[in-house]
């Protein structure tokens, strides 16, 4: 089971970054001044620690087809959500925390429903990787990897509130952070 899990984990990371860069270039994303969220690197190190902890138990696991298939499907659904989000951001994408001069508030595509669908997709993929690996340390590693990126949203939300002081609070009130907000019908 071990080689499949590690190939899936690193394959997902490479594919995610490659697609993100490709879509960013195609949609006109520009390099802009950006910073990283406090805790980003800590979560990255925790992820590596859990991944190393999984190596001793995951290498002796038998291959389980059902978790491979279900987990793999969930990973691709999450990747699809993330890449759709990346596409909608277009030239507004910044690989870190930061805004550029012509930055716009995007509320179309998956952003109609949630404020951070790119990170939602990453979390869905992390859960899929955890199922794929069928190992608690592997799941914790994938979730920590997602957490490293998800922690950015605190800084992103602050930047967006500053740039769009009237629109962003209204947008945030009607959308969920990671999952769509359920509205009560009158």
Foldseek 3Di string as FASTA:
>chain_A
DVVVLVCLVVVLVVVLVVLLVVLQVVLAADADDADAFPCLVVLLVLLVVLVVVCNVVLVPDDQDVVLQVQLVVQLVVLSVQLSQVSNQLRRQDYPHADGDPPHDQGCDDCNVFAVCSNLLSQLSNLVSSCSNSVDPSSSSSSVSNSVSVVSRVVRNLVVCCVVCVPPSVVSPVQHHHNGGDDDDDD
